[in-house]
Amino acid sequence: MKKIVAMSLLILSIMIGSIFVIAGTVSDTEFFIWVGMVIIAIGVINLLLKMIIIEPKYQPNIVTVRKNVRKTVKKKLKKKAKR
């Protein structure tokens, strides 16, 4: 999942969670407040997981990528020349 999807899920969970929190505050029910807070927390944790843990931290340098591509192209050309 991309960061955009995680961010949109965070916004959605904040909206739904805030509805529960407001409903719990108006009706003086602690259960709705806790459910709303849990929904908001799940959205925040989801976003943090996507940004910190799941997304790869290593992003290759463009120079390294070009060198690797050149090496593989040279190997393929050598194999074709041997045939």
PDB file of N, CA and C in Angstrom:
ATOM      1  N   MET A   1       0.836  -1.171   0.000  1.00  0.00           N
ATOM      2  CA  MET A   1       0.000   0.000   0.000  1.00  0.00           C
ATOM      3  C   MET A   1       0.890   1.247   0.000  1.00  0.00           C
ATOM      4  N   LYS A   2       0.462   2.217  -0.739  1.00  0.00           N
ATOM      5  CA  LYS A   2       1.242   3.452  -0.837  1.00  0.00           C
ATOM      6  C   LYS A   2       0.925   4.379   0.332  1.00  0.00           C
ATOM      7  N   LYS A   3       1.764   5.408   0.466  1.00  0.00           N
ATOM      8  CA  LYS A   3       1.569   6.370   1.551  1.00  0.00           C
ATOM      9  C   LYS A   3       0.293   7.173   1.355  1.00  0.00           C
ATOM     10  N   ILE A   4      -0.085   7.394   0.096  1.00  0.00           N
ATOM     11  CA  ILE A   4      -1.317   8.154  -0.190  1.00  0.00           C
ATOM     12  C   ILE A   4      -2.533   7.393   0.343  1.00  0.00           C
ATOM     13  N   VAL A   5      -2.535   6.081   0.121  1.00  0.00           N
ATOM     14  CA  VAL A   5      -3.663   5.276   0.596  1.00  0.00           C
ATOM     15  C   VAL A   5      -3.704   5.281   2.118  1.00  0.00           C
ATOM     16  N   ALA A   6      -2.527   5.171   2.738  1.00  0.00           N
ATOM     17  CA  ALA A   6      -2.478   5.201   4.204  1.00  0.00           C
ATOM     18  C   ALA A   6      -2.947   6.553   4.737  1.00  0.00           C
ATOM     19  N   MET A   7      -2.576   7.626   4.042  1.00  0.00           N
ATOM     20  CA  MET A   7      -3.007   8.961   4.475  1.00  0.00           C
ATOM     21  C   MET A   7      -4.520   9.114   4.322  1.00  0.00           C
ATOM     22  N   SER A   8      -5.077   8.600   3.234  1.00  0.00           N
ATOM     23  CA  SER A   8      -6.527   8.704   3.054  1.00  0.00           C
ATOM     24  C   SER A   8      -7.266   7.849   4.080  1.00  0.00           C
ATOM     25  N   LEU A   9      -6.698   6.683   4.430  1.00  0.00           N
ATOM     26  CA  LEU A   9      -7.312   5.876   5.484  1.00  0.00           C
ATOM     27  C   LEU A   9      -7.237   6.579   6.834  1.00  0.00           C
ATOM     28  N   LEU A  10      -6.152   7.316   7.064  1.00  0.00           N
ATOM     29  CA  LEU A  10      -6.041   8.095   8.303  1.00  0.00           C
ATOM     30  C   LEU A  10      -7.129   9.159   8.360  1.00  0.00           C
ATOM     31  N   ILE A  11      -7.324   9.871   7.267  1.00  0.00           N
ATOM     32  CA  ILE A  11      -8.353  10.918   7.227  1.00  0.00           C
ATOM     33  C   ILE A  11      -9.737  10.309   7.431  1.00  0.00           C
ATOM     34  N   LEU A  12      -9.978   9.167   6.780  1.00  0.00           N
ATOM     35  CA  LEU A  12     -11.265   8.495   6.935  1.00  0.00           C
ATOM     36  C   LEU A  12     -11.480   8.036   8.375  1.00  0.00           C
ATOM     37  N   SER A  13     -10.440   7.473   8.984  1.00  0.00           N
ATOM     38  CA  SER A  13     -10.590   7.010  10.370  1.00  0.00           C
ATOM     39  C   SER A  13     -10.768   8.181  11.331  1.00  0.00           C
ATOM     40  N   ILE A  14     -10.115   9.308  11.049  1.00  0.00           N
ATOM     41  CA  ILE A  14     -10.307  10.490  11.899  1.00  0.00           C
ATOM     42  C   ILE A  14     -11.747  10.988  11.796  1.00  0.00           C
ATOM     43  N   MET A  15     -12.292  10.992  10.584  1.00  0.00           N
ATOM     44  CA  MET A  15     -13.672  11.452  10.414  1.00  0.00           C
ATOM     45  C   MET A  15     -14.655  10.527  11.132  1.00  0.00           C
ATOM     46  N   ILE A  16     -14.503   9.218  10.911  1.00  0.00           N
ATOM     47  CA  ILE A  16     -15.427   8.267  11.542  1.00  0.00           C
ATOM     48  C   ILE A  16     -15.239   8.265  13.060  1.00  0.00           C
ATOM     49  N   GLY A  17     -13.980   8.299  13.508  1.00  0.00           N
ATOM     50  CA  GLY A  17     -13.715   8.316  14.946  1.00  0.00           C
ATOM     51  C   GLY A  17     -14.249   9.559  15.619  1.00  0.00           C
ATOM     52  N   SER A  18     -14.121  10.700  14.939  1.00  0.00           N
ATOM     53  CA  SER A  18     -14.632  11.938  15.541  1.00  0.00           C
ATOM     54  C   SER A  18     -16.154  11.922  15.630  1.00  0.00           C
ATOM     55  N   ILE A  19     -16.809  11.279  14.684  1.00  0.00           N
ATOM     56  CA  ILE A  19     -18.272  11.144  14.764  1.00  0.00           C
ATOM     57  C   ILE A  19     -18.649  10.348  16.016  1.00  0.00           C
ATOM     58  N   PHE A  20     -17.919   9.241  16.261  1.00  0.00           N
ATOM     59  CA  PHE A  20     -18.192   8.448  17.459  1.00  0.00           C
ATOM     60  C   PHE A  20     -17.900   9.232  18.732  1.00  0.00           C
ATOM     61  N   VAL A  21     -16.800   9.978  18.743  1.00  0.00           N
ATOM     62  CA  VAL A  21     -16.444  10.756  19.937  1.00  0.00           C
ATOM     63  C   VAL A  21     -17.489  11.834  20.204  1.00  0.00           C
ATOM     64  N   ILE A  22     -17.929  12.521  19.157  1.00  0.00           N
ATOM     65  CA  ILE A  22     -18.959  13.559  19.329  1.00  0.00           C
ATOM     66  C   ILE A  22     -20.269  12.940  19.801  1.00  0.00           C
ATOM     67  N   ALA A  23     -20.641  11.786  19.205  1.00  0.00           N
ATOM     68  CA  ALA A  23     -21.877  11.121  19.635  1.00  0.00           C
ATOM     69  C   ALA A  23     -21.779  10.671  21.085  1.00  0.00           C
ATOM     70  N   GLY A  24     -20.606  10.188  21.478  1.00  0.00           N
ATOM     71  CA  GLY A  24     -20.431   9.768  22.871  1.00  0.00           C
ATOM     72  C   GLY A  24     -20.445  10.932  23.830  1.00  0.00           C
ATOM     73  N   THR A  25     -19.912  12.078  23.400  1.00  0.00           N
ATOM     74  CA  THR A  25     -19.907  13.259  24.258  1.00  0.00           C
ATOM     75  C   THR A  25     -21.321  13.813  24.428  1.00  0.00           C
ATOM     76  N   VAL A  26     -22.065  13.845  23.329  1.00  0.00           N
ATOM     77  CA  VAL A  26     -23.430  14.389  23.384  1.00  0.00           C
ATOM     78  C   VAL A  26     -24.339  13.483  24.213  1.00  0.00           C
ATOM     79  N   SER A  27     -24.228  12.169  23.991  1.00  0.00           N
ATOM     80  CA  SER A  27     -25.121  11.248  24.703  1.00  0.00           C
ATOM     81  C   SER A  27     -24.562  10.802  26.054  1.00  0.00           C
ATOM     82  N   ASP A  28     -23.376  11.313  26.415  1.00  0.00           N
ATOM     83  CA  ASP A  28     -22.728  11.002  27.691  1.00  0.00           C
ATOM     84  C   ASP A  28     -22.515   9.491  27.850  1.00  0.00           C
ATOM     85  N   THR A  29     -22.009   8.877  26.772  1.00  0.00           N
ATOM     86  CA  THR A  29     -21.709   7.448  26.771  1.00  0.00           C
ATOM     87  C   THR A  29     -20.216   7.263  26.548  1.00  0.00           C
ATOM     88  N   GLU A  30     -19.556   6.651  27.536  1.00  0.00           N
ATOM     89  CA  GLU A  30     -18.111   6.471  27.413  1.00  0.00           C
ATOM     90  C   GLU A  30     -17.748   5.462  26.336  1.00  0.00           C
ATOM     91  N   PHE A  31     -18.632   4.500  26.087  1.00  0.00           N
ATOM     92  CA  PHE A  31     -18.334   3.467  25.101  1.00  0.00           C
ATOM     93  C   PHE A  31     -18.088   4.064  23.723  1.00  0.00           C
ATOM     94  N   PHE A  32     -18.931   4.989  23.299  1.00  0.00           N
ATOM     95  CA  PHE A  32     -18.751   5.618  21.987  1.00  0.00           C
ATOM     96  C   PHE A  32     -17.457   6.427  21.925  1.00  0.00           C
ATOM     97  N   ILE A  33     -17.113   7.072  23.018  1.00  0.00           N
ATOM     98  CA  ILE A  33     -15.870   7.851  23.048  1.00  0.00           C
ATOM     99  C   ILE A  33     -14.671   6.927  22.879  1.00  0.00           C
ATOM    100  N   TRP A  34     -14.681   5.792  23.596  1.00  0.00           N
ATOM    101  CA  TRP A  34     -13.562   4.855  23.483  1.00  0.00           C
ATOM    102  C   TRP A  34     -13.483   4.243  22.089  1.00  0.00           C
ATOM    103  N   VAL A  35     -14.629   3.897  21.511  1.00  0.00           N
ATOM    104  CA  VAL A  35     -14.636   3.335  20.154  1.00  0.00           C
ATOM    105  C   VAL A  35     -14.075   4.344  19.162  1.00  0.00           C
ATOM    106  N   GLY A  36     -14.469   5.594  19.293  1.00  0.00           N
ATOM    107  CA  GLY A  36     -13.946   6.629  18.402  1.00  0.00           C
ATOM    108  C   GLY A  36     -12.456   6.819  18.542  1.00  0.00           C
ATOM    109  N   MET A  37     -11.965   6.800  19.783  1.00  0.00           N
ATOM    110  CA  MET A  37     -10.525   6.950  19.997  1.00  0.00           C
ATOM    111  C   MET A  37      -9.749   5.763  19.446  1.00  0.00           C
ATOM    112  N   VAL A  38     -10.303   4.565  19.577  1.00  0.00           N
ATOM    113  CA  VAL A  38      -9.638   3.373  19.034  1.00  0.00           C
ATOM    114  C   VAL A  38      -9.589   3.439  17.513  1.00  0.00           C
ATOM    115  N   ILE A  39     -10.652   3.895  16.880  1.00  0.00           N
ATOM    116  CA  ILE A  39     -10.667   4.015  15.416  1.00  0.00           C
ATOM    117  C   ILE A  39      -9.617   5.024  14.961  1.00  0.00           C
ATOM    118  N   ILE A  40      -9.517   6.143  15.643  1.00  0.00           N
ATOM    119  CA  ILE A  40      -8.505   7.147  15.295  1.00  0.00           C
ATOM    120  C   ILE A  40      -7.105   6.580  15.511  1.00  0.00           C
ATOM    121  N   ALA A  41      -6.900   5.854  16.603  1.00  0.00           N
ATOM    122  CA  ALA A  41      -5.581   5.267  16.880  1.00  0.00           C
ATOM    123  C   ALA A  41      -5.195   4.237  15.827  1.00  0.00           C
ATOM    124  N   ILE A  42      -6.151   3.451  15.355  1.00  0.00           N
ATOM    125  CA  ILE A  42      -5.863   2.471  14.304  1.00  0.00           C
ATOM    126  C   ILE A  42      -5.420   3.178  13.031  1.00  0.00           C
ATOM    127  N   GLY A  43      -6.057   4.281  12.695  1.00  0.00           N
ATOM    128  CA  GLY A  43      -5.647   5.044  11.515  1.00  0.00           C
ATOM    129  C   GLY A  43      -4.248   5.612  11.648  1.00  0.00           C
ATOM    130  N   VAL A  44      -3.914   6.129  12.826  1.00  0.00           N
ATOM    131  CA  VAL A  44      -2.570   6.687  13.054  1.00  0.00           C
ATOM    132  C   VAL A  44      -1.520   5.585  13.004  1.00  0.00           C
ATOM    133  N   ILE A  45      -1.798   4.453  13.642  1.00  0.00           N
ATOM    134  CA  ILE A  45      -0.849   3.340  13.635  1.00  0.00           C
ATOM    135  C   ILE A  45      -0.656   2.809  12.225  1.00  0.00           C
ATOM    136  N   ASN A  46      -1.717   2.737  11.443  1.00  0.00           N
ATOM    137  CA  ASN A  46      -1.618   2.291  10.054  1.00  0.00           C
ATOM    138  C   ASN A  46      -0.699   3.204   9.259  1.00  0.00           C
ATOM    139  N   LEU A  47      -0.865   4.507   9.423  1.00  0.00           N
ATOM    140  CA  LEU A  47      -0.010   5.453   8.703  1.00  0.00           C
ATOM    141  C   LEU A  47       1.444   5.315   9.139  1.00  0.00           C
ATOM    142  N   LEU A  48       1.686   5.189  10.435  1.00  0.00           N
ATOM    143  CA  LEU A  48       3.055   5.038  10.924  1.00  0.00           C
ATOM    144  C   LEU A  48       3.690   3.751  10.415  1.00  0.00           C
ATOM    145  N   LEU A  49       2.922   2.676  10.370  1.00  0.00           N
ATOM    146  CA  LEU A  49       3.461   1.419   9.851  1.00  0.00           C
ATOM    147  C   LEU A  49       3.859   1.545   8.387  1.00  0.00           C
ATOM    148  N   LYS A  50       3.037   2.214   7.625  1.00  0.00           N
ATOM    149  CA  LYS A  50       3.346   2.365   6.200  1.00  0.00           C
ATOM    150  C   LYS A  50       4.566   3.243   5.988  1.00  0.00           C
ATOM    151  N   MET A  51       4.709   4.287   6.799  1.00  0.00           N
ATOM    152  CA  MET A  51       5.808   5.231   6.586  1.00  0.00           C
ATOM    153  C   MET A  51       7.127   4.728   7.155  1.00  0.00           C
ATOM    154  N   ILE A  52       7.096   4.014   8.272  1.00  0.00           N
ATOM    155  CA  ILE A  52       8.334   3.662   8.958  1.00  0.00           C
ATOM    156  C   ILE A  52       8.753   2.218   8.699  1.00  0.00           C
ATOM    157  N   ILE A  53       7.850   1.284   8.859  1.00  0.00           N
ATOM    158  CA  ILE A  53       8.238  -0.124   8.845  1.00  0.00           C
ATOM    159  C   ILE A  53       8.081  -0.756   7.467  1.00  0.00           C
ATOM    160  N   ILE A  54       6.929  -0.598   6.843  1.00  0.00           N
ATOM    161  CA  ILE A  54       6.643  -1.352   5.626  1.00  0.00           C
ATOM    162  C   ILE A  54       7.346  -0.769   4.409  1.00  0.00           C
ATOM    163  N   GLU A  55       7.375   0.538   4.282  1.00  0.00           N
ATOM    164  CA  GLU A  55       8.056   1.147   3.137  1.00  0.00           C
ATOM    165  C   GLU A  55       9.552   0.886   3.239  1.00  0.00           C
ATOM    166  N   PRO A  56      10.188   0.494   2.136  1.00  0.00           N
ATOM    167  CA  PRO A  56      11.626   0.214   2.196  1.00  0.00           C
ATOM    168  C   PRO A  56      12.428   1.478   2.466  1.00  0.00           C
ATOM    169  N   LYS A  57      13.397   1.363   3.372  1.00  0.00           N
ATOM    170  CA  LYS A  57      14.209   2.521   3.710  1.00  0.00           C
ATOM    171  C   LYS A  57      15.310   2.743   2.691  1.00  0.00           C
ATOM    172  N   TYR A  58      15.702   1.689   1.977  1.00  0.00           N
ATOM    173  CA  TYR A  58      16.783   1.809   1.012  1.00  0.00           C
ATOM    174  C   TYR A  58      16.219   2.250  -0.328  1.00  0.00           C
ATOM    175  N   GLN A  59      16.641   3.401  -0.778  1.00  0.00           N
ATOM    176  CA  GLN A  59      16.282   3.853  -2.112  1.00  0.00           C
ATOM    177  C   GLN A  59      17.573   4.004  -2.888  1.00  0.00           C
ATOM    178  N   PRO A  60      17.746   3.229  -3.939  1.00  0.00           N
ATOM    179  CA  PRO A  60      19.034   3.208  -4.625  1.00  0.00           C
ATOM    180  C   PRO A  60      19.368   4.538  -5.283  1.00  0.00           C
ATOM    181  N   ASN A  61      20.632   4.821  -5.284  1.00  0.00           N
ATOM    182  CA  ASN A  61      21.144   6.017  -5.935  1.00  0.00           C
ATOM    183  C   ASN A  61      21.072   5.813  -7.447  1.00  0.00           C
ATOM    184  N   ILE A  62      20.798   6.848  -8.200  1.00  0.00           N
ATOM    185  CA  ILE A  62      20.652   6.708  -9.649  1.00  0.00           C
ATOM    186  C   ILE A  62      21.969   6.294 -10.297  1.00  0.00           C
ATOM    187  N   VAL A  63      23.094   6.714  -9.729  1.00  0.00           N
ATOM    188  CA  VAL A  63      24.396   6.323 -10.278  1.00  0.00           C
ATOM    189  C   VAL A  63      24.608   4.827 -10.098  1.00  0.00           C
ATOM    190  N   THR A  64      24.231   4.298  -8.942  1.00  0.00           N
ATOM    191  CA  THR A  64      24.358   2.865  -8.690  1.00  0.00           C
ATOM    192  C   THR A  64      23.484   2.072  -9.649  1.00  0.00           C
ATOM    193  N   VAL A  65      22.284   2.542  -9.892  1.00  0.00           N
ATOM    194  CA  VAL A  65      21.378   1.859 -10.809  1.00  0.00           C
ATOM    195  C   VAL A  65      21.969   1.852 -12.210  1.00  0.00           C
ATOM    196  N   ARG A  66      22.516   2.959 -12.653  1.00  0.00           N
ATOM    197  CA  ARG A  66      23.106   3.024 -13.988  1.00  0.00           C
ATOM    198  C   ARG A  66      24.290   2.082 -14.115  1.00  0.00           C
ATOM    199  N   LYS A  67      25.133   2.009 -13.081  1.00  0.00           N
ATOM    200  CA  LYS A  67      26.274   1.099 -13.119  1.00  0.00           C
ATOM    201  C   LYS A  67      25.812  -0.345 -13.217  1.00  0.00           C
ATOM    202  N   ASN A  68      24.803  -0.703 -12.450  1.00  0.00           N
ATOM    203  CA  ASN A  68      24.290  -2.072 -12.493  1.00  0.00           C
ATOM    204  C   ASN A  68      23.687  -2.395 -13.850  1.00  0.00           C
ATOM    205  N   VAL A  69      22.999  -1.442 -14.445  1.00  0.00           N
ATOM    206  CA  VAL A  69      22.418  -1.658 -15.769  1.00  0.00           C
ATOM    207  C   VAL A  69      23.524  -1.836 -16.796  1.00  0.00           C
ATOM    208  N   ARG A  70      24.557  -1.024 -16.708  1.00  0.00           N
ATOM    209  CA  ARG A  70      25.675  -1.155 -17.643  1.00  0.00           C
ATOM    210  C   ARG A  70      26.340  -2.515 -17.511  1.00  0.00           C
ATOM    211  N   LYS A  71      26.521  -2.995 -16.292  1.00  0.00           N
ATOM    212  CA  LYS A  71      27.137  -4.303 -16.084  1.00  0.00           C
ATOM    213  C   LYS A  71      26.306  -5.409 -16.710  1.00  0.00           C
ATOM    214  N   THR A  72      25.001  -5.369 -16.499  1.00  0.00           N
ATOM    215  CA  THR A  72      24.154  -6.422 -17.055  1.00  0.00           C
ATOM    216  C   THR A  72      24.112  -6.352 -18.572  1.00  0.00           C
ATOM    217  N   VAL A  73      24.130  -5.148 -19.127  1.00  0.00           N
ATOM    218  CA  VAL A  73      24.133  -5.013 -20.589  1.00  0.00           C
ATOM    219  C   VAL A  73      25.439  -5.558 -21.154  1.00  0.00           C
ATOM    220  N   LYS A  74      26.555  -5.259 -20.497  1.00  0.00           N
ATOM    221  CA  LYS A  74      27.846  -5.771 -20.959  1.00  0.00           C
ATOM    222  C   LYS A  74      27.881  -7.290 -20.900  1.00  0.00           C
ATOM    223  N   LYS A  75      27.334  -7.879 -19.842  1.00  0.00           N
ATOM    224  CA  LYS A  75      27.302  -9.336 -19.729  1.00  0.00           C
ATOM    225  C   LYS A  75      26.472  -9.951 -20.844  1.00  0.00           C
ATOM    226  N   LYS A  76      25.333  -9.353 -21.138  1.00  0.00           N
ATOM    227  CA  LYS A  76      24.478  -9.883 -22.202  1.00  0.00           C
ATOM    228  C   LYS A  76      25.151  -9.760 -23.560  1.00  0.00           C
ATOM    229  N   LEU A  77      25.849  -8.651 -23.781  1.00  0.00           N
ATOM    230  CA  LEU A  77      26.553  -8.481 -25.052  1.00  0.00           C
ATOM    231  C   LEU A  77      27.687  -9.489 -25.189  1.00  0.00           C
ATOM    232  N   LYS A  78      28.384  -9.786 -24.095  1.00  0.00           N
ATOM    233  CA  LYS A  78      29.448 -10.788 -24.135  1.00  0.00           C
ATOM    234  C   LYS A  78      28.889 -12.166 -24.445  1.00  0.00           C
ATOM    235  N   LYS A  79      27.738 -12.503 -23.849  1.00  0.00           N
ATOM    236  CA  LYS A  79      27.117 -13.798 -24.117  1.00  0.00           C
ATOM    237  C   LYS A  79      26.705 -13.909 -25.578  1.00  0.00           C
ATOM    238  N   LYS A  80      26.168 -12.837 -26.137  1.00  0.00           N
ATOM    239  CA  LYS A  80      25.765 -12.856 -27.544  1.00  0.00           C
ATOM    240  C   LYS A  80      26.981 -12.944 -28.451  1.00  0.00           C
ATOM    241  N   ALA A  81      28.084 -12.308 -28.071  1.00  0.00           N
ATOM    242  CA  ALA A  81      29.300 -12.341 -28.884  1.00  0.00           C
ATOM    243  C   ALA A  81      29.912 -13.736 -28.875  1.00  0.00           C
ATOM    244  N   LYS A  82      29.782 -14.475 -27.783  1.00  0.00           N
ATOM    245  CA  LYS A  82      30.325 -15.832 -27.708  1.00  0.00           C
ATOM    246  C   LYS A  82      29.550 -16.795 -28.585  1.00  0.00           C
ATOM    247  N   ARG A  83      28.310 -16.534 -28.834  1.00  0.00           N
ATOM    248  CA  ARG A  83      27.479 -17.426 -29.656  1.00  0.00           C
ATOM    249  C   ARG A  83      27.904 -17.281 -31.068  1.00  0.00           C
TER     250      ARG A  83
END
